[in-house]
Protein backbone atom coordinates (compact mmCIF):
# COMPACT_ATOMS: atom_id res chain seq x y z
CA MET A 1 114.26 145.39 93.74
CA LEU A 2 111.94 142.37 93.97
CA ALA A 3 109.76 144.18 96.54
CA ALA A 4 109.50 147.18 94.21
CA PHE A 5 108.76 144.93 91.24
CA ASP A 6 106.02 143.27 93.32
CA THR A 7 104.14 146.55 93.51
CA HIS A 8 103.22 146.36 89.79
CA PRO A 9 99.48 145.49 89.36
CA ASN A 10 100.36 142.64 86.99
CA VAL A 11 103.12 141.15 89.12
CA GLU A 12 103.05 138.90 92.22
CA VAL A 13 106.16 137.53 93.87
CA ARG A 14 106.12 134.67 96.30
CA VAL A 15 109.07 133.23 98.24
CA PHE A 16 109.63 129.55 98.91
CA ASN A 17 110.70 128.44 102.39
CA PRO A 18 111.64 131.93 103.55
CA VAL A 19 113.25 133.12 106.76
CA ARG A 20 110.23 134.78 108.37
CA PHE A 21 111.85 136.89 111.04
CA TRP A 22 114.80 139.23 111.59
CA ARG A 23 114.82 140.40 107.99
CA GLN A 24 115.80 143.97 108.82
CA SER A 25 119.41 143.54 107.63
CA ILE A 26 121.62 141.04 105.87
CA TRP A 27 123.39 140.18 109.17
CA SER A 28 120.12 139.52 111.09
CA GLN A 29 118.88 137.40 108.19
CA ARG A 30 122.03 135.28 108.28
CA LEU A 31 121.71 134.84 112.01
CA ALA A 32 118.08 133.75 111.51
CA MET A 33 119.20 131.29 108.89
CA VAL A 34 121.73 129.80 111.34
CA LEU A 35 119.10 129.48 114.01
CA THR A 36 116.69 127.77 111.58
CA GLY A 37 119.42 125.85 109.71
CA TRP A 38 117.43 122.62 110.02
CA ARG A 39 114.93 124.13 107.62
CA SER A 40 116.63 126.97 105.70
CA HIS A 41 119.29 124.71 104.23
CA ARG A 42 116.43 123.06 102.23
CA ARG A 43 116.18 125.09 99.07
CA MET A 44 113.98 125.31 96.05
CA HIS A 45 116.67 124.56 93.54
CA ASN A 46 114.40 123.80 90.53
CA LYS A 47 114.01 126.31 87.71
CA LEU A 48 111.04 126.64 85.44
CA TRP A 49 109.83 129.27 82.94
CA LEU A 50 106.30 129.11 81.50
CA VAL A 51 104.74 131.42 78.87
CA ASP A 52 100.98 131.38 78.31
CA ARG A 53 100.87 127.71 79.16
CA ARG A 54 102.22 127.04 75.70
CA VAL A 55 106.02 127.23 75.98
CA GLY A 56 108.17 126.06 78.88
CA ILE A 57 111.90 126.08 79.74
CA ALA A 58 113.46 123.86 82.37
CA GLY A 59 117.16 123.40 83.21
CA GLY A 60 119.76 124.58 85.65
CA ARG A 61 119.81 128.32 84.94
CA ASN A 62 118.91 130.96 87.51
CA LEU A 63 117.85 134.50 86.59
CA GLY A 64 120.90 136.74 86.81
CA ASP A 65 123.63 138.30 84.70
CA ASP A 66 126.22 135.63 85.60
CA TYR A 67 123.89 132.86 84.36
CA PHE A 68 123.62 134.47 80.88
CA SER A 69 127.30 135.14 80.25
CA ALA A 70 126.58 138.90 80.80
CA ASP A 71 128.75 139.36 83.88
CA SER A 72 132.23 140.84 83.47
CA GLU A 73 133.94 138.99 86.26
CA TYR A 74 132.34 135.58 86.68
CA ASN A 75 129.88 133.47 84.76
CA PHE A 76 128.11 130.09 85.25
CA ALA A 77 127.87 127.77 82.26
CA ASP A 78 124.48 126.11 81.98
CA LEU A 79 122.05 124.02 79.93
CA ASP A 80 118.30 124.39 79.34
CA LEU A 81 115.62 122.68 77.30
CA LEU A 82 112.75 124.50 75.60
CA MET A 83 109.43 122.71 75.12
CA ALA A 84 106.56 123.96 72.98
CA GLY A 85 103.09 122.36 73.19
CA GLY A 86 102.21 118.83 74.09
CA PRO A 87 101.26 117.10 77.38
CA VAL A 88 104.53 118.05 79.02
CA ILE A 89 103.44 121.69 79.18
CA ASP A 90 100.47 120.59 81.29
CA GLU A 91 102.94 118.74 83.52
CA MET A 92 105.07 121.87 83.85
CA THR A 93 101.98 123.96 84.66
CA GLY A 94 100.87 121.51 87.30
CA CYS A 95 104.34 121.56 88.83
CA PHE A 96 104.37 125.36 88.98
CA GLU A 97 100.93 125.52 90.55
CA ALA A 98 101.90 122.95 93.19
CA TYR A 99 104.83 125.08 94.26
CA TRP A 100 102.96 128.39 93.97
CA SER A 101 100.25 127.21 96.39
CA SER A 102 102.34 125.04 98.67
CA ARG A 103 102.47 125.47 102.45
CA SER A 104 106.12 126.45 102.30
CA VAL A 105 105.41 129.58 100.19
CA GLU A 106 104.75 133.10 101.46
CA ARG A 107 103.85 136.28 99.58
CA LEU A 108 106.76 138.65 99.44
CA ASP A 109 104.69 141.68 100.57
CA ARG A 110 103.98 139.86 103.82
CA LEU A 111 107.70 139.49 104.52
CA VAL A 112 109.09 142.88 103.49
CA THR A 113 107.71 146.35 102.87
CA ALA A 114 108.51 147.96 99.55
CA THR A 115 110.37 151.24 99.87
CA HIS A 116 109.99 152.02 96.16
CA GLY A 117 107.31 151.51 93.54
CA TRP A 118 107.74 149.48 90.37
CA GLN A 119 108.59 152.63 88.41
CA TRP A 120 111.82 152.82 90.42
CA CYS A 121 112.98 149.56 88.73
CA LEU A 122 112.66 151.18 85.31
CA GLU A 123 114.60 154.17 86.56
CA GLN A 124 117.39 151.88 87.78
CA PHE A 125 117.58 150.15 84.39
CA ASP A 126 117.74 153.50 82.62
CA GLN A 127 120.56 154.66 84.82
CA ARG A 128 122.71 151.61 84.21
CA ASP A 129 125.32 152.51 81.66
CA ASP A 130 126.11 148.86 81.05
CA PHE A 131 122.52 147.57 80.73
CA ASN A 132 122.68 147.33 76.96
CA ASP A 133 126.44 147.35 76.55
CA GLU A 134 128.78 144.85 74.94
CA ARG A 135 128.49 142.34 77.78
CA LEU A 136 124.76 141.89 77.08
CA ARG A 137 125.03 142.04 73.29
CA SER A 138 127.78 139.42 73.29
CA SER A 139 125.98 137.00 75.61
CA ASP A 140 126.10 133.50 74.15
CA GLN A 141 122.70 132.62 75.69
CA LEU A 142 120.94 135.67 74.29
CA GLU A 143 122.41 134.93 70.86
CA GLY A 144 121.06 131.38 71.25
CA LEU A 145 117.58 132.69 72.03
CA GLY A 146 117.68 134.66 68.79
CA ARG A 147 118.45 131.51 66.84
CA LEU A 148 115.34 129.83 68.21
CA ALA A 149 113.24 132.06 66.01
CA THR A 150 114.69 130.51 62.88
CA GLU A 151 115.57 126.98 64.00
CA GLU A 152 113.18 124.11 63.64
CA LEU A 153 112.00 122.56 66.84
CA ILE A 154 112.59 118.81 67.24
CA PRO A 155 109.53 116.59 67.80
CA ALA A 156 110.13 114.41 70.89
CA ARG A 157 108.34 112.64 73.71
CA ALA A 158 109.05 114.18 77.08
CA ARG A 159 107.89 114.04 80.69
CA LEU A 160 108.71 116.23 83.65
CA LEU A 161 110.24 114.68 86.74
CA TRP A 162 109.84 116.84 89.82
CA ASP A 163 110.02 116.76 93.58
CA ASN A 164 106.94 117.34 95.66
CA PRO A 165 107.29 120.72 97.45
CA ALA A 166 106.38 118.93 100.71
CA LYS A 167 109.91 117.38 100.51
CA VAL A 168 111.18 120.34 102.55
CA GLU A 169 108.59 119.98 105.32
CA CYS A 170 110.00 116.82 106.84
CA ALA A 171 111.59 116.84 110.28
CA TRP A 172 115.24 117.96 110.18
CA TRP A 173 116.56 114.58 111.35
CA ARG A 174 114.56 112.60 108.77
CA ARG A 175 114.94 112.15 105.07
CA PRO A 176 111.85 112.91 103.04
CA PRO A 177 109.78 109.90 101.80
CA LEU A 178 110.89 108.63 98.44
CA GLU A 179 107.43 109.29 97.02
CA TYR A 180 108.17 112.99 97.42
CA CYS A 181 111.35 112.68 95.35
CA LEU A 182 112.06 112.41 91.61
CA THR A 183 115.04 110.16 92.32
CA PRO A 184 113.27 106.78 91.89
CA ALA A 185 112.01 107.72 88.39
CA LEU A 186 115.43 109.01 87.39
CA ALA A 187 117.10 105.96 88.81
CA ASP A 188 114.80 103.74 86.69
CA ALA A 189 115.86 105.68 83.56
CA ILE A 190 119.56 105.38 84.44
CA ASN A 191 119.34 101.66 85.16
CA GLU A 192 117.90 101.16 81.65
CA VAL A 193 121.13 102.38 80.11
CA GLN A 194 122.81 99.60 78.15
CA LYS A 195 125.96 101.05 76.52
CA GLU A 196 126.91 104.59 77.52
CA LEU A 197 126.04 107.41 79.90
CA TYR A 198 127.33 110.94 79.41
CA LEU A 199 126.88 112.83 82.71
CA VAL A 200 127.23 116.52 83.49
CA SER A 201 126.96 117.54 87.12
CA ALA A 202 128.24 120.76 88.59
CA TYR A 203 128.52 119.00 91.94
CA PHE A 204 129.33 115.33 91.74
CA ILE A 205 129.12 113.14 94.86
CA PRO A 206 127.65 109.75 93.75
CA SER A 207 127.35 108.43 97.30
CA GLU A 208 123.69 107.38 97.40
CA ARG A 209 124.37 103.99 95.80
CA GLU A 210 121.28 102.37 97.16
CA HIS A 211 119.27 104.58 94.75
CA ILE A 212 121.62 105.48 91.83
CA ASP A 213 124.67 103.19 91.61
CA LEU A 214 127.12 104.34 88.96
CA GLU A 215 129.65 101.67 90.00
CA ALA A 216 127.07 99.00 89.20
CA LEU A 217 126.68 100.49 85.74
CA LEU A 218 130.37 100.33 85.14
CA LYS A 219 130.62 96.73 86.39
CA ARG A 220 128.08 95.57 83.85
CA GLY A 221 130.00 97.22 81.00
CA VAL A 222 128.34 100.60 80.58
CA SER A 223 130.69 103.39 79.46
CA LEU A 224 130.55 106.37 81.83
CA VAL A 225 131.82 109.80 80.79
CA ALA A 226 131.43 112.45 83.50
CA LEU A 227 132.08 116.20 83.44
CA THR A 228 132.11 118.18 86.62
CA ASN A 229 133.87 121.26 88.05
CA SER A 230 137.56 121.34 88.81
CA LEU A 231 138.70 122.41 92.26
CA GLU A 232 139.81 125.77 90.89
CA GLY A 233 136.54 126.31 89.07
CA ASN A 234 134.11 125.18 91.69
CA ASP A 235 132.18 128.04 93.21
CA THR A 236 131.69 125.86 96.34
CA PRO A 237 135.09 124.13 96.84
CA ILE A 238 133.90 122.25 99.96
CA VAL A 239 131.90 119.99 97.59
CA GLN A 240 135.18 118.89 95.99
CA GLY A 241 136.09 117.03 99.21
CA GLY A 242 133.04 114.76 98.88
CA TYR A 243 133.75 114.21 95.19
CA ALA A 244 137.45 113.40 95.68
CA PHE A 245 136.65 110.14 97.47
CA TRP A 246 134.86 108.78 94.41
CA ARG A 247 137.39 109.68 91.76
CA PRO A 248 139.75 106.65 92.15
CA ARG A 249 136.83 104.27 92.64
CA LEU A 250 135.15 105.29 89.40
CA LEU A 251 138.45 105.46 87.49
CA ARG A 252 139.39 101.92 88.55
CA LEU A 253 136.15 100.68 87.01
CA GLY A 254 136.91 102.44 83.66
CA ALA A 255 135.06 105.74 83.95
CA ARG A 256 136.31 108.84 82.11
CA LEU A 257 136.39 111.83 84.41
CA HIS A 258 136.84 115.40 83.21
CA GLU A 259 136.83 118.62 85.25
CA LEU A 260 136.02 121.94 83.63
CA ARG A 261 138.96 124.29 83.78
CA PHE A 262 138.73 127.81 85.12
CA ASP A 263 140.88 130.65 83.83
CA THR A 264 142.16 132.52 86.87
CA ARG A 265 143.51 135.23 84.55
CA ARG A 266 140.18 137.02 84.44
CA PRO A 267 139.70 140.04 82.19
CA GLY A 268 139.09 143.43 83.60
CA LYS A 269 135.64 144.93 83.88
CA HIS A 270 133.84 145.69 80.55
CA GLN A 271 136.43 143.69 78.58
CA ARG A 272 135.06 141.02 76.33
CA ARG A 273 136.42 137.53 76.89
CA LYS A 274 138.15 135.42 74.34
CA ARG A 275 135.54 132.66 74.23
CA LEU A 276 136.04 129.08 73.26
CA ALA A 277 133.51 127.50 70.94
CA SER A 278 131.61 125.56 73.59
CA ARG A 279 128.01 125.87 74.74
CA PHE A 280 129.39 125.52 78.28
CA GLY A 281 130.97 128.94 77.87
CA ALA A 282 134.40 130.37 78.37
CA LEU A 283 137.28 129.14 80.46
CA SER A 284 136.35 131.79 83.03
CA SER A 285 133.00 130.04 83.62
CA SER A 286 132.14 127.73 86.50
CA LEU A 287 130.11 124.71 85.41
CA HIS A 288 126.51 124.93 86.57
CA GLY A 289 124.77 122.59 84.08
CA LYS A 290 123.14 119.27 84.93
CA ALA A 291 122.43 116.81 82.16
CA MET A 292 122.65 113.18 81.05
CA ALA A 293 122.78 111.59 77.62
CA MET A 294 121.56 108.03 77.97
CA ASP A 295 122.65 105.64 75.23
CA ARG A 296 121.81 107.30 71.93
CA ASP A 297 118.07 107.96 72.41
CA ARG A 298 117.33 109.74 75.70
CA VAL A 299 118.41 112.82 77.60
CA PHE A 300 117.74 114.28 81.05
CA ILE A 301 118.24 118.04 81.53
CA GLY A 302 117.30 119.86 84.70
CA SER A 303 118.46 121.19 88.07
CA TYR A 304 119.43 117.81 89.53
CA ASN A 305 123.05 117.33 90.51
CA MET A 306 124.38 113.86 91.23
CA ASP A 307 124.79 114.44 94.95
CA PRO A 308 122.98 113.87 98.26
CA ARG A 309 121.73 117.47 98.39
CA SER A 310 119.70 117.11 95.20
CA MET A 311 118.49 113.73 96.26
CA TRP A 312 117.32 114.60 99.74
CA TRP A 313 117.46 118.28 100.70
CA ASN A 314 116.74 120.53 97.74
CA THR A 315 113.69 120.42 95.56
CA GLU A 316 114.57 119.59 91.95
CA MET A 317 113.04 118.98 88.52
CA GLY A 318 114.18 117.89 85.10
CA LEU A 319 112.91 116.85 81.65
CA LEU A 320 113.35 113.26 80.53
CA VAL A 321 113.22 113.30 76.73
CA GLU A 322 113.20 110.50 74.12
CA SER A 323 114.97 111.86 71.05
CA GLU A 324 118.00 110.66 69.08
CA ARG A 325 118.59 114.14 67.62
CA ILE A 326 118.54 115.89 71.02
CA ASN A 327 120.77 113.17 72.46
CA GLU A 328 123.27 113.68 69.63
CA GLN A 329 123.24 117.49 70.21
CA LEU A 330 123.86 117.05 73.91
CA ARG A 331 126.66 114.51 73.41
CA LYS A 332 128.44 116.80 70.93
CA THR A 333 128.15 119.69 73.40
CA ILE A 334 129.67 117.58 76.13
CA GLU A 335 132.41 116.23 73.86
CA ARG A 336 133.49 119.78 72.99
CA SER A 337 133.81 120.62 76.62
CA LEU A 338 135.97 117.49 77.19
CA ALA A 339 138.69 118.83 74.93
CA PRO A 340 141.98 119.29 76.86
CA GLU A 341 141.88 123.05 76.16
CA ARG A 342 138.66 123.25 78.19
CA SER A 343 138.85 120.55 80.80
CA PHE A 344 141.27 118.45 82.82
CA GLN A 345 141.14 114.71 82.28
CA VAL A 346 141.79 112.89 85.52
CA VAL A 347 143.87 109.73 85.15
CA LEU A 348 144.69 106.99 87.71
CA ALA A 349 148.00 105.09 87.27
CA ASP A 350 149.82 103.17 89.94
CA ARG A 351 147.38 104.50 92.53
CA GLN A 352 148.39 108.05 91.62
CA LEU A 353 145.94 110.57 90.29
CA SER A 354 147.13 113.06 87.64
CA TRP A 355 145.48 115.88 85.75
CA HIS A 356 146.12 116.29 82.00
CA TRP A 357 145.29 119.30 79.78
CA ARG A 358 146.54 121.33 76.86
CA ASP A 359 147.67 124.99 77.21
CA GLU A 360 148.62 127.04 74.11
CA GLY A 361 149.23 123.90 72.18
CA ALA A 362 151.44 122.20 74.71
CA GLU A 363 150.43 119.04 76.58
CA ARG A 364 150.69 119.45 80.33
CA SER A 365 150.10 117.28 83.37
CA SER A 366 150.37 117.47 87.13
CA THR A 367 150.03 115.07 90.05
CA ARG A 368 148.91 117.97 92.19
CA GLU A 369 145.33 118.99 91.80
CA PRO A 370 145.12 122.52 90.28
CA GLY A 371 143.69 125.00 92.75
CA SER A 372 144.58 127.51 95.47
CA TRP A 373 145.46 126.66 99.02
CA TRP A 374 142.21 128.12 100.23
CA HIS A 375 140.25 125.86 97.86
CA ARG A 376 142.23 122.88 99.22
CA VAL A 377 141.35 123.78 102.81
CA GLN A 378 137.67 123.92 101.92
CA ALA A 379 137.86 120.64 100.05
CA TRP A 380 139.56 119.07 103.15
CA VAL A 381 136.60 120.16 105.26
CA GLY A 382 134.25 118.59 102.74
CA ALA A 383 136.07 115.27 103.02
CA LEU A 384 135.51 115.00 106.80
CA PRO A 385 133.21 112.16 107.92
CA GLY A 386 129.53 112.98 107.59
CA VAL A 387 130.01 116.32 105.89
CA SER A 388 129.44 115.10 102.31
CA ARG A 389 125.95 113.93 103.22
CA LEU A 390 124.95 117.57 103.74
CA LEU A 391 126.72 119.04 100.70
């Protein structure tokens, strides 16, 4: 579909860090990715929308039905920040142009040959019975976009933190230079926190302590509240193995850890979910958002997970904003998702972890981490020595 879309005279599609050979089938592409794993595991993970160089959106959301609560089987819950005007739009434009013209980018029409013209895309949309059905009309995100037309925008100071696209060009055995990474600037902002840090990270492996040390924050009295995926809700359960090592360490120092629940009793196709009133979506969502509320006056919202992959291997970006009102909105959003109906609270007592939640008004707890046996196997692999550094 992208190749067909690319044939429109007003459209150009480019691909970042593509597999450049054996693209004839999905299986040959996967083999090519294995053979070039030293390079192809480095992804452009940042997300940016720009309109007329006047309005920009950054956050964690990809373009797809399941990122807009319009998929009937599985959705990702996410966060974005819209900016209108000001110097930060110039920063966002400069970031886009740096990626658009980077050495790691190739035009799509040089990689694949379109078998259809752009008119075919319109025909496909017209033929889709569900294109404008209840799933799309009931999307929380699209409803939110409609509210933007009537809501007042909040004045705020902001700057864009972003990785240099050359970050992916380093030799496979070598980490990229720190000057290519947004991590130092983000670490400076985190180190300035005096009282509390609310952290949302879909994947949470805080192992790179020489750069961002959450344990040091806790030791100097900062309150840390973290929300991540539960084992049952993680779309990549192997990551849970890297995170599991840090749970008791952070809990001993006084952190509050919550894991977003996942409703395994999924509704059938075309059935509307019973949604909980949370901007992170329904129980049947997997957490995909990445955000921080720092004290009561700053926020960071972007694509950056608190894990080694975001720090070293993917390219990332995010908006660092000074605003008490936006900070308050983000904290309230997070607090709603910490409710026991929506997330497990992980507790450490007598060296034993337990998970606590509320189901249909009844308080429940378990010393066995909720999740299937297959998820546990994948998490076990993720806990093996050296694996978490690549997750």
